[in-house]
Structures are given as structure tokens and as C-alpha cells.
PDB file of all heavy atoms in Angstrom:
ATOM      1  N   LEU A   1      77.111 -66.619 113.311  1.00  0.00           N
ATOM      2  CA  LEU A   1      76.406 -67.533 114.216  1.00  0.00           C
ATOM      3  C   LEU A   1      76.774 -68.989 113.972  1.00  0.00           C
ATOM      4  O   LEU A   1      76.208 -69.878 114.550  1.00  0.00           O
ATOM      5  CB  LEU A   1      74.870 -67.356 114.071  1.00  0.00           C
ATOM      6  CG  LEU A   1      74.360 -65.994 114.450  1.00  0.00           C
ATOM      7  CD1 LEU A   1      72.841 -65.910 114.139  1.00  0.00           C
ATOM      8  CD2 LEU A   1      74.622 -65.683 115.939  1.00  0.00           C
ATOM      9  N   GLY A   2      77.758 -69.179 113.118  1.00  0.00           N
ATOM     10  CA  GLY A   2      78.208 -70.540 112.802  1.00  0.00           C
ATOM     11  C   GLY A   2      77.707 -70.903 111.390  1.00  0.00           C
ATOM     12  O   GLY A   2      77.283 -70.072 110.628  1.00  0.00           O
ATOM     13  N   ALA A   3      77.836 -72.155 111.072  1.00  0.00           N
ATOM     14  CA  ALA A   3      77.380 -72.633 109.771  1.00  0.00           C
ATOM     15  C   ALA A   3      75.867 -72.771 109.771  1.00  0.00           C
ATOM     16  O   ALA A   3      75.283 -73.261 110.730  1.00  0.00           O
ATOM     17  CB  ALA A   3      78.045 -74.000 109.495  1.00  0.00           C
ATOM     18  N   PHE A   4      75.245 -72.332 108.698  1.00  0.00           N
ATOM     19  CA  PHE A   4      73.822 -72.320 108.643  1.00  0.00           C
ATOM     20  C   PHE A   4      73.277 -73.498 107.804  1.00  0.00           C
ATOM     21  O   PHE A   4      73.835 -73.856 106.784  1.00  0.00           O
ATOM     22  CB  PHE A   4      73.262 -71.039 108.034  1.00  0.00           C
ATOM     23  CG  PHE A   4      73.386 -69.863 108.947  1.00  0.00           C
ATOM     24  CD1 PHE A   4      74.479 -69.032 108.889  1.00  0.00           C
ATOM     25  CD2 PHE A   4      72.385 -69.603 109.861  1.00  0.00           C
ATOM     26  CE1 PHE A   4      74.558 -67.918 109.741  1.00  0.00           C
ATOM     27  CE2 PHE A   4      72.444 -68.494 110.702  1.00  0.00           C
ATOM     28  CZ  PHE A   4      73.546 -67.680 110.641  1.00  0.00           C
ATOM     29  N   ALA A   5      72.222 -74.111 108.283  1.00  0.00           N
ATOM     30  CA  ALA A   5      71.542 -75.138 107.509  1.00  0.00           C
ATOM     31  C   ALA A   5      70.051 -74.879 107.570  1.00  0.00           C
ATOM     32  O   ALA A   5      69.535 -74.418 108.638  1.00  0.00           O
ATOM     33  CB  ALA A   5      71.851 -76.516 108.092  1.00  0.00           C
ATOM     34  N   PRO A   6      69.312 -75.141 106.530  1.00  0.00           N
ATOM     35  CA  PRO A   6      67.864 -74.845 106.581  1.00  0.00           C
ATOM     36  C   PRO A   6      67.137 -75.858 107.488  1.00  0.00           C
ATOM     37  O   PRO A   6      67.524 -77.040 107.600  1.00  0.00           O
ATOM     38  CB  PRO A   6      67.483 -75.027 105.123  1.00  0.00           C
ATOM     39  CG  PRO A   6      68.460 -75.969 104.533  1.00  0.00           C
ATOM     40  CD  PRO A   6      69.786 -75.655 105.252  1.00  0.00           C
ATOM     41  N   ARG A   7      66.077 -75.396 108.085  1.00  0.00           N
ATOM     42  CA  ARG A   7      65.188 -76.299 108.844  1.00  0.00           C
ATOM     43  C   ARG A   7      64.369 -77.041 107.808  1.00  0.00           C
ATOM     44  O   ARG A   7      63.632 -76.417 107.004  1.00  0.00           O
ATOM     45  CB  ARG A   7      64.298 -75.425 109.791  1.00  0.00           C
ATOM     46  CG  ARG A   7      65.129 -74.655 110.817  1.00  0.00           C
ATOM     47  CD  ARG A   7      64.222 -73.950 111.817  1.00  0.00           C
ATOM     48  NE  ARG A   7      65.012 -73.069 112.667  1.00  0.00           N
ATOM     49  CZ  ARG A   7      65.737 -73.395 113.717  1.00  0.00           C
ATOM     50  NH1 ARG A   7      65.739 -74.723 114.074  1.00  0.00           N
ATOM     51  NH2 ARG A   7      66.367 -72.542 114.419  1.00  0.00           N
ATOM     52  N   THR A   8      64.450 -78.317 107.838  1.00  0.00           N
ATOM     53  CA  THR A   8      63.918 -79.148 106.739  1.00  0.00           C
ATOM     54  C   THR A   8      62.560 -79.764 107.083  1.00  0.00           C
ATOM     55  O   THR A   8      62.137 -79.839 108.296  1.00  0.00           O
ATOM     56  CB  THR A   8      64.880 -80.250 106.345  1.00  0.00           C
ATOM     57  OG1 THR A   8      65.169 -81.061 107.520  1.00  0.00           O
ATOM     58  CG2 THR A   8      66.159 -79.628 105.843  1.00  0.00           C
ATOM     59  N   LEU A   9      61.896 -80.269 106.077  1.00  0.00           N
ATOM     60  CA  LEU A   9      60.620 -80.960 106.186  1.00  0.00           C
ATOM     61  C   LEU A   9      60.906 -82.373 106.628  1.00  0.00           C
ATOM     62  O   LEU A   9      61.547 -83.147 105.899  1.00  0.00           O
ATOM     63  CB  LEU A   9      59.902 -80.882 104.833  1.00  0.00           C
ATOM     64  CG  LEU A   9      58.479 -81.313 104.764  1.00  0.00           C
ATOM     65  CD1 LEU A   9      57.581 -80.440 105.711  1.00  0.00           C
ATOM     66  CD2 LEU A   9      57.970 -81.226 103.357  1.00  0.00           C
ATOM     67  N   ASP A  10      60.398 -82.766 107.814  1.00  0.00           N
ATOM     68  CA  ASP A  10      60.689 -84.039 108.358  1.00  0.00           C
ATOM     69  C   ASP A  10      59.619 -85.055 107.925  1.00  0.00           C
ATOM     70  O   ASP A  10      58.786 -85.515 108.696  1.00  0.00           O
ATOM     71  CB  ASP A  10      60.734 -83.977 109.860  1.00  0.00           C
ATOM     72  CG  ASP A  10      61.195 -85.296 110.507  1.00  0.00           C
ATOM     73  OD1 ASP A  10      61.779 -86.103 109.781  1.00  0.00           O
ATOM     74  OD2 ASP A  10      61.018 -85.455 111.750  1.00  0.00           O
ATOM     75  N   LEU A  11      59.687 -85.392 106.647  1.00  0.00           N
ATOM     76  CA  LEU A  11      58.759 -86.407 106.086  1.00  0.00           C
ATOM     77  C   LEU A  11      59.593 -87.365 105.238  1.00  0.00           C
ATOM     78  O   LEU A  11      60.496 -86.967 104.495  1.00  0.00           O
ATOM     79  CB  LEU A  11      57.712 -85.752 105.167  1.00  0.00           C
ATOM     80  CG  LEU A  11      56.690 -84.821 105.894  1.00  0.00           C
ATOM     81  CD1 LEU A  11      55.846 -84.118 104.871  1.00  0.00           C
ATOM     82  CD2 LEU A  11      55.816 -85.634 106.834  1.00  0.00           C
ATOM     83  N   PRO A  12      59.338 -88.668 105.313  1.00  0.00           N
ATOM     84  CA  PRO A  12      60.152 -89.623 104.577  1.00  0.00           C
ATOM     85  C   PRO A  12      60.116 -89.420 103.044  1.00  0.00           C
ATOM     86  O   PRO A  12      61.089 -89.729 102.387  1.00  0.00           O
ATOM     87  CB  PRO A  12      59.525 -90.978 104.958  1.00  0.00           C
ATOM     88  CG  PRO A  12      58.115 -90.673 105.460  1.00  0.00           C
ATOM     89  CD  PRO A  12      58.244 -89.357 106.098  1.00  0.00           C
ATOM     90  N   GLU A  13      59.005 -88.874 102.534  1.00  0.00           N
ATOM     91  CA  GLU A  13      58.910 -88.708 101.080  1.00  0.00           C
ATOM     92  C   GLU A  13      59.582 -87.424 100.628  1.00  0.00           C
ATOM     93  O   GLU A  13      59.607 -87.130  99.415  1.00  0.00           O
ATOM     94  CB  GLU A  13      57.440 -88.741 100.664  1.00  0.00           C
ATOM     95  CG  GLU A  13      56.558 -87.630 101.304  1.00  0.00           C
ATOM     96  CD  GLU A  13      55.869 -88.072 102.581  1.00  0.00           C
ATOM     97  OE1 GLU A  13      56.508 -88.821 103.303  1.00  0.00           O
ATOM     98  OE2 GLU A  13      54.742 -87.614 102.793  1.00  0.00           O
ATOM     99  N   ALA A  14      60.101 -86.621 101.558  1.00  0.00           N
ATOM    100  CA  ALA A  14      60.671 -85.301 101.185  1.00  0.00           C
ATOM    101  C   ALA A  14      62.062 -85.431 100.563  1.00  0.00           C
ATOM    102  O   ALA A  14      62.386 -84.781  99.568  1.00  0.00           O
ATOM    103  CB  ALA A  14      60.739 -84.403 102.449  1.00  0.00           C
ATOM    104  N   ALA A  15      62.928 -86.283 101.137  1.00  0.00           N
ATOM    105  CA  ALA A  15      64.324 -86.321 100.726  1.00  0.00           C
ATOM    106  C   ALA A  15      64.514 -86.531  99.221  1.00  0.00           C
ATOM    107  O   ALA A  15      65.333 -85.852  98.596  1.00  0.00           O
ATOM    108  CB  ALA A  15      65.043 -87.393 101.490  1.00  0.00           C
ATOM    109  N   PRO A  16      63.819 -87.458  98.529  1.00  0.00           N
ATOM    110  CA  PRO A  16      64.057 -87.660  97.120  1.00  0.00           C
ATOM    111  C   PRO A  16      63.671 -86.451  96.255  1.00  0.00           C
ATOM    112  O   PRO A  16      64.082 -86.375  95.092  1.00  0.00           O
ATOM    113  CB  PRO A  16      63.144 -88.870  96.772  1.00  0.00           C
ATOM    114  CG  PRO A  16      62.909 -89.549  98.067  1.00  0.00           C
ATOM    115  CD  PRO A  16      62.869 -88.409  99.092  1.00  0.00           C
ATOM    116  N   LEU A  17      62.883 -85.535  96.793  1.00  0.00           N
ATOM    117  CA  LEU A  17      62.399 -84.432  96.030  1.00  0.00           C
ATOM    118  C   LEU A  17      63.287 -83.145  96.157  1.00  0.00           C
ATOM    119  O   LEU A  17      63.125 -82.213  95.367  1.00  0.00           O
ATOM    120  CB  LEU A  17      60.964 -84.067  96.449  1.00  0.00           C
ATOM    121  CG  LEU A  17      59.912 -85.149  96.323  1.00  0.00           C
ATOM    122  CD1 LEU A  17      58.604 -84.675  96.875  1.00  0.00           C
ATOM    123  CD2 LEU A  17      59.770 -85.601  94.899  1.00  0.00           C
ATOM    124  N   VAL A  18      64.191 -83.178  97.114  1.00  0.00           N
ATOM    125  CA  VAL A  18      64.992 -81.958  97.387  1.00  0.00           C
ATOM    126  C   VAL A  18      65.860 -81.601  96.223  1.00  0.00           C
ATOM    127  O   VAL A  18      66.519 -82.462  95.603  1.00  0.00           O
ATOM    128  CB  VAL A  18      65.887 -82.211  98.641  1.00  0.00           C
ATOM    129  CG1 VAL A  18      66.828 -80.991  98.802  1.00  0.00           C
ATOM    130  CG2 VAL A  18      65.027 -82.387  99.889  1.00  0.00           C
ATOM    131  N   GLY A  19      65.784 -80.359  95.830  1.00  0.00           N
ATOM    132  CA  GLY A  19      66.531 -79.866  94.679  1.00  0.00           C
ATOM    133  C   GLY A  19      65.873 -80.077  93.352  1.00  0.00           C
ATOM    134  O   GLY A  19      66.332 -79.531  92.325  1.00  0.00           O
ATOM    135  N   ARG A  20      64.768 -80.815  93.333  1.00  0.00           N
ATOM    136  CA  ARG A  20      63.990 -81.029  92.104  1.00  0.00           C
ATOM    137  C   ARG A  20      62.650 -80.322  92.141  1.00  0.00           C
ATOM    138  O   ARG A  20      62.416 -79.450  91.340  1.00  0.00           O
ATOM    139  CB  ARG A  20      63.822 -82.550  91.889  1.00  0.00           C
ATOM    140  CG  ARG A  20      65.177 -83.281  91.686  1.00  0.00           C
ATOM    141  CD  ARG A  20      65.007 -84.792  91.789  1.00  0.00           C
ATOM    142  NE  ARG A  20      64.035 -85.300  90.861  1.00  0.00           N
ATOM    143  CZ  ARG A  20      63.031 -86.152  91.228  1.00  0.00           C
ATOM    144  NH1 ARG A  20      62.942 -86.581  92.429  1.00  0.00           N
ATOM    145  NH2 ARG A  20      62.198 -86.562  90.295  1.00  0.00           N
ATOM    146  N   THR A  21      61.814 -80.746  93.070  1.00  0.00           N
ATOM    147  CA  THR A  21      60.507 -80.047  93.215  1.00  0.00           C
ATOM    148  C   THR A  21      60.280 -79.595  94.676  1.00  0.00           C
ATOM    149  O   THR A  21      59.258 -79.009  94.965  1.00  0.00           O
ATOM    150  CB  THR A  21      59.350 -80.938  92.767  1.00  0.00           C
ATOM    151  OG1 THR A  21      59.458 -82.239  93.453  1.00  0.00           O
ATOM    152  CG2 THR A  21      59.415 -81.204  91.284  1.00  0.00           C
ATOM    153  N   LEU A  22      61.231 -79.855  95.577  1.00  0.00           N
ATOM    154  CA  LEU A  22      61.190 -79.327  96.938  1.00  0.00           C
ATOM    155  C   LEU A  22      62.467 -78.545  97.126  1.00  0.00           C
ATOM    156  O   LEU A  22      63.590 -79.057  96.966  1.00  0.00           O
ATOM    157  CB  LEU A  22      61.161 -80.534  97.963  1.00  0.00           C
ATOM    158  CG  LEU A  22      61.354 -80.210  99.423  1.00  0.00           C
ATOM    159  CD1 LEU A  22      60.331 -79.201  99.914  1.00  0.00           C
ATOM    160  CD2 LEU A  22      61.283 -81.492 100.240  1.00  0.00           C
ATOM    161  N   HIS A  23      62.273 -77.303  97.561  1.00  0.00           N
ATOM    162  CA  HIS A  23      63.404 -76.394  97.631  1.00  0.00           C
ATOM    163  C   HIS A  23      63.444 -75.662  98.999  1.00  0.00           C
ATOM    164  O   HIS A  23      62.406 -75.197  99.479  1.00  0.00           O
ATOM    165  CB  HIS A  23      63.327 -75.319  96.511  1.00  0.00           C
ATOM    166  CG  HIS A  23      63.021 -75.892  95.121  1.00  0.00           C
ATOM    167  ND1 HIS A  23      64.019 -76.383  94.330  1.00  0.00           N
ATOM    168  CD2 HIS A  23      61.820 -76.077  94.504  1.00  0.00           C
ATOM    169  CE1 HIS A  23      63.458 -76.820  93.215  1.00  0.00           C
ATOM    170  NE2 HIS A  23      62.147 -76.656  93.305  1.00  0.00           N
ATOM    171  N   TYR A  24      64.648 -75.549  99.542  1.00  0.00           N
ATOM    172  CA  TYR A  24      64.883 -74.783 100.744  1.00  0.00           C
ATOM    173  C   TYR A  24      65.524 -73.424 100.429  1.00  0.00           C
ATOM    174  O   TYR A  24      65.729 -72.603 101.325  1.00  0.00           O
ATOM    175  CB  TYR A  24      65.687 -75.560 101.751  1.00  0.00           C
ATOM    176  CG  TYR A  24      65.010 -76.828 102.200  1.00  0.00           C
ATOM    177  CD1 TYR A  24      65.466 -78.073 101.756  1.00  0.00           C
ATOM    178  CD2 TYR A  24      63.915 -76.787 103.057  1.00  0.00           C
ATOM    179  CE1 TYR A  24      64.832 -79.228 102.150  1.00  0.00           C
ATOM    180  CE2 TYR A  24      63.295 -77.978 103.485  1.00  0.00           C
ATOM    181  CZ  TYR A  24      63.756 -79.172 103.002  1.00  0.00           C
ATOM    182  OH  TYR A  24      63.125 -80.315 103.407  1.00  0.00           O
ATOM    183  N   LYS A  25      65.920 -73.254  99.178  1.00  0.00           N
ATOM    184  CA  LYS A  25      66.503 -72.017  98.701  1.00  0.00           C
ATOM    185  C   LYS A  25      66.208 -71.900  97.218  1.00  0.00           C
ATOM    186  O   LYS A  25      66.292 -72.854  96.478  1.00  0.00           O
ATOM    187  CB  LYS A  25      68.045 -72.038  98.944  1.00  0.00           C
ATOM    188  CG  LYS A  25      68.748 -70.769  98.561  1.00  0.00           C
ATOM    189  CD  LYS A  25      70.215 -70.908  98.875  1.00  0.00           C
ATOM    190  CE  LYS A  25      70.988 -69.650  98.519  1.00  0.00           C
ATOM    191  NZ  LYS A  25      72.421 -69.760  98.828  1.00  0.00           N
ATOM    192  N   VAL A  26      65.815 -70.710  96.780  1.00  0.00           N
ATOM    193  CA  VAL A  26      65.477 -70.464  95.373  1.00  0.00           C
ATOM    194  C   VAL A  26      66.702 -70.012  94.653  1.00  0.00           C
ATOM    195  O   VAL A  26      67.272 -68.933  94.950  1.00  0.00           O
ATOM    196  CB  VAL A  26      64.354 -69.442  95.241  1.00  0.00           C
ATOM    197  CG1 VAL A  26      64.041 -69.190  93.780  1.00  0.00           C
ATOM    198  CG2 VAL A  26      63.108 -69.946  95.982  1.00  0.00           C
ATOM    199  N   THR A  27      67.188 -70.800  93.729  1.00  0.00           N
ATOM    200  CA  THR A  27      68.333 -70.395  92.890  1.00  0.00           C
ATOM    201  C   THR A  27      67.932 -70.136  91.437  1.00  0.00           C
ATOM    202  O   THR A  27      68.628 -69.460  90.708  1.00  0.00           O
ATOM    203  CB  THR A  27      69.386 -71.479  92.901  1.00  0.00           C
ATOM    204  OG1 THR A  27      68.855 -72.744  92.494  1.00  0.00           O
ATOM    205  CG2 THR A  27      69.974 -71.657  94.321  1.00  0.00           C
ATOM    206  N   GLN A  28      66.788 -70.708  91.048  1.00  0.00           N
ATOM    207  CA  GLN A  28      66.290 -70.535  89.701  1.00  0.00           C
ATOM    208  C   GLN A  28      64.795 -70.193  89.752  1.00  0.00           C
ATOM    209  O   GLN A  28      63.910 -71.078  89.599  1.00  0.00           O
ATOM    210  CB  GLN A  28      66.513 -71.795  88.833  1.00  0.00           C
ATOM    211  CG  GLN A  28      67.979 -72.133  88.645  1.00  0.00           C
ATOM    212  CD  GLN A  28      68.143 -73.386  87.865  1.00  0.00           C
ATOM    213  OE1 GLN A  28      67.864 -74.517  88.340  1.00  0.00           O
ATOM    214  NE2 GLN A  28      68.517 -73.319  86.593  1.00  0.00           N
ATOM    215  N   PRO A  29      64.443 -68.912  89.915  1.00  0.00           N
ATOM    216  CA  PRO A  29      63.034 -68.539  90.015  1.00  0.00           C
ATOM    217  C   PRO A  29      62.239 -68.957  88.769  1.00  0.00           C
ATOM    218  O   PRO A  29      61.015 -69.185  88.873  1.00  0.00           O
ATOM    219  CB  PRO A  29      63.078 -67.010  90.128  1.00  0.00           C
ATOM    220  CG  PRO A  29      64.425 -66.741  90.724  1.00  0.00           C
ATOM    221  CD  PRO A  29      65.342 -67.780  90.129  1.00  0.00           C
ATOM    222  N   ALA A  30      62.899 -69.066  87.609  1.00  0.00           N
ATOM    223  CA  ALA A  30      62.183 -69.426  86.414  1.00  0.00           C
ATOM    224  C   ALA A  30      61.549 -70.801  86.478  1.00  0.00           C
ATOM    225  O   ALA A  30      60.614 -71.084  85.717  1.00  0.00           O
ATOM    226  CB  ALA A  30      63.160 -69.380  85.189  1.00  0.00           C
ATOM    227  N   LEU A  31      62.027 -71.678  87.365  1.00  0.00           N
ATOM    228  CA  LEU A  31      61.400 -72.984  87.517  1.00  0.00           C
ATOM    229  C   LEU A  31      59.966 -72.880  87.964  1.00  0.00           C
ATOM    230  O   LEU A  31      59.186 -73.821  87.782  1.00  0.00           O
ATOM    231  CB  LEU A  31      62.189 -73.834  88.563  1.00  0.00           C
ATOM    232  CG  LEU A  31      63.556 -74.288  88.184  1.00  0.00           C
ATOM    233  CD1 LEU A  31      64.267 -74.994  89.345  1.00  0.00           C
ATOM    234  CD2 LEU A  31      63.513 -75.154  86.940  1.00  0.00           C
ATOM    235  N   CYS A  32      59.603 -71.765  88.538  1.00  0.00           N
ATOM    236  CA  CYS A  32      58.227 -71.573  89.076  1.00  0.00           C
ATOM    237  C   CYS A  32      57.267 -70.961  88.059  1.00  0.00           C
ATOM    238  O   CYS A  32      56.067 -70.888  88.301  1.00  0.00           O
ATOM    239  CB  CYS A  32      58.259 -70.721  90.298  1.00  0.00           C
ATOM    240  SG  CYS A  32      59.199 -71.376  91.701  1.00  0.00           S
ATOM    241  N   ASP A  33      57.808 -70.558  86.909  1.00  0.00           N
ATOM    242  CA  ASP A  33      56.937 -69.901  85.916  1.00  0.00           C
ATOM    243  C   ASP A  33      55.823 -70.837  85.448  1.00  0.00           C
ATOM    244  O   ASP A  33      56.052 -72.017  85.091  1.00  0.00           O
ATOM    245  CB  ASP A  33      57.786 -69.474  84.728  1.00  0.00           C
ATOM    246  CG  ASP A  33      58.770 -68.341  85.005  1.00  0.00           C
ATOM    247  OD1 ASP A  33      58.647 -67.780  86.138  1.00  0.00           O
ATOM    248  OD2 ASP A  33      59.561 -68.016  84.153  1.00  0.00           O
ATOM    249  N   ASP A  34      54.580 -70.294  85.535  1.00  0.00           N
ATOM    250  CA  ASP A  34      53.400 -71.057  85.103  1.00  0.00           C
ATOM    251  C   ASP A  34      53.203 -72.362  85.820  1.00  0.00           C
ATOM    252  O   ASP A  34      52.651 -73.303  85.252  1.00  0.00           O
ATOM    253  CB  ASP A  34      53.466 -71.235  83.569  1.00  0.00           C
ATOM    254  CG  ASP A  34      53.495 -69.932  82.812  1.00  0.00           C
ATOM    255  OD1 ASP A  34      52.769 -68.996  83.206  1.00  0.00           O
ATOM    256  OD2 ASP A  34      54.252 -69.837  81.857  1.00  0.00           O
ATOM    257  N   GLN A  35      53.646 -72.428  87.080  1.00  0.00           N
ATOM    258  CA  GLN A  35      53.534 -73.656  87.871  1.00  0.00           C
ATOM    259  C   GLN A  35      52.641 -73.447  89.063  1.00  0.00           C
ATOM    260  O   GLN A  35      52.332 -72.294  89.446  1.00  0.00           O
ATOM    261  CB  GLN A  35      54.908 -74.133  88.371  1.00  0.00           C
ATOM    262  CG  GLN A  35      55.944 -74.403  87.260  1.00  0.00           C
ATOM    263  CD  GLN A  35      55.580 -75.609  86.392  1.00  0.00           C
ATOM    264  OE1 GLN A  35      55.228 -76.642  86.924  1.00  0.00           O
ATOM    265  NE2 GLN A  35      55.617 -75.429  85.090  1.00  0.00           N
ATOM    266  N   ASP A  36      52.156 -74.522  89.635  1.00  0.00           N
ATOM    267  CA  ASP A  36      51.377 -74.489  90.910  1.00  0.00           C
ATOM    268  C   ASP A  36      52.383 -74.542  92.051  1.00  0.00           C
ATOM    269  O   ASP A  36      53.091 -75.569  92.233  1.00  0.00           O
ATOM    270  CB  ASP A  36      50.391 -75.599  90.965  1.00  0.00           C
ATOM    271  CG  ASP A  36      49.371 -75.578  89.847  1.00  0.00           C
ATOM    272  OD1 ASP A  36      48.777 -74.525  89.610  1.00  0.00           O
ATOM    273  OD2 ASP A  36      49.163 -76.623  89.210  1.00  0.00           O
ATOM    274  N   ILE A  37      52.460 -73.498  92.848  1.00  0.00           N
ATOM    275  CA  ILE A  37      53.489 -73.329  93.857  1.00  0.00           C
ATOM    276  C   ILE A  37      52.872 -73.263  95.238  1.00  0.00           C
ATOM    277  O   ILE A  37      51.892 -72.596  95.456  1.00  0.00           O
ATOM    278  CB  ILE A  37      54.300 -72.068  93.606  1.00  0.00           C
ATOM    279  CG1 ILE A  37      54.887 -72.058  92.185  1.00  0.00           C
ATOM    280  CG2 ILE A  37      55.430 -71.918  94.682  1.00  0.00           C
ATOM    281  CD1 ILE A  37      55.815 -73.179  91.881  1.00  0.00           C
ATOM    282  N   VAL A  38      53.491 -74.009  96.137  1.00  0.00           N
ATOM    283  CA  VAL A  38      53.168 -73.904  97.574  1.00  0.00           C
ATOM    284  C   VAL A  38      54.392 -73.381  98.286  1.00  0.00           C
ATOM    285  O   VAL A  38      55.485 -73.906  98.078  1.00  0.00           O
ATOM    286  CB  VAL A  38      52.686 -75.262  98.159  1.00  0.00           C
ATOM    287  CG1 VAL A  38      52.558 -75.139  99.707  1.00  0.00           C
ATOM    288  CG2 VAL A  38      51.379 -75.670  97.554  1.00  0.00           C
ATOM    289  N   ILE A  39      54.222 -72.345  99.062  1.00  0.00           N
ATOM    290  CA  ILE A  39      55.275 -71.834  99.900  1.00  0.00           C
ATOM    291  C   ILE A  39      54.983 -72.029 101.368  1.00  0.00           C
ATOM    292  O   ILE A  39      53.871 -71.640 101.791  1.00  0.00           O
ATOM    293  CB  ILE A  39      55.511 -70.313  99.586  1.00  0.00           C
ATOM    294  CG1 ILE A  39      55.976 -70.129  98.149  1.00  0.00           C
ATOM    295  CG2 ILE A  39      56.566 -69.735 100.527  1.00  0.00           C
ATOM    296  CD1 ILE A  39      56.198 -68.693  97.748  1.00  0.00           C
TER     297      ILE A  39
END
């Protein structure tokens, strides 16, 4: 279907958090261990 890109959160405060505490893809599930998670 072409190149895929995630549908992102359109908030100004979102961009600095991407890859740190805001994720569009889970690559390290262990980061969530014993954490408060919103999906």
C-alpha cells in the first residue's frame, strides 16, 4: 500500500517525547515494566 507512517498525536507537546515516553511502536516492552501506562 506504499510507505507506512503512524498516525500521530497532533499536540505541540508531543514531539519532544517521541521515542522517550511517547511511542507509536513498541520495540522495548521492558520499558513498561512497573510503570503507569496509557494506551
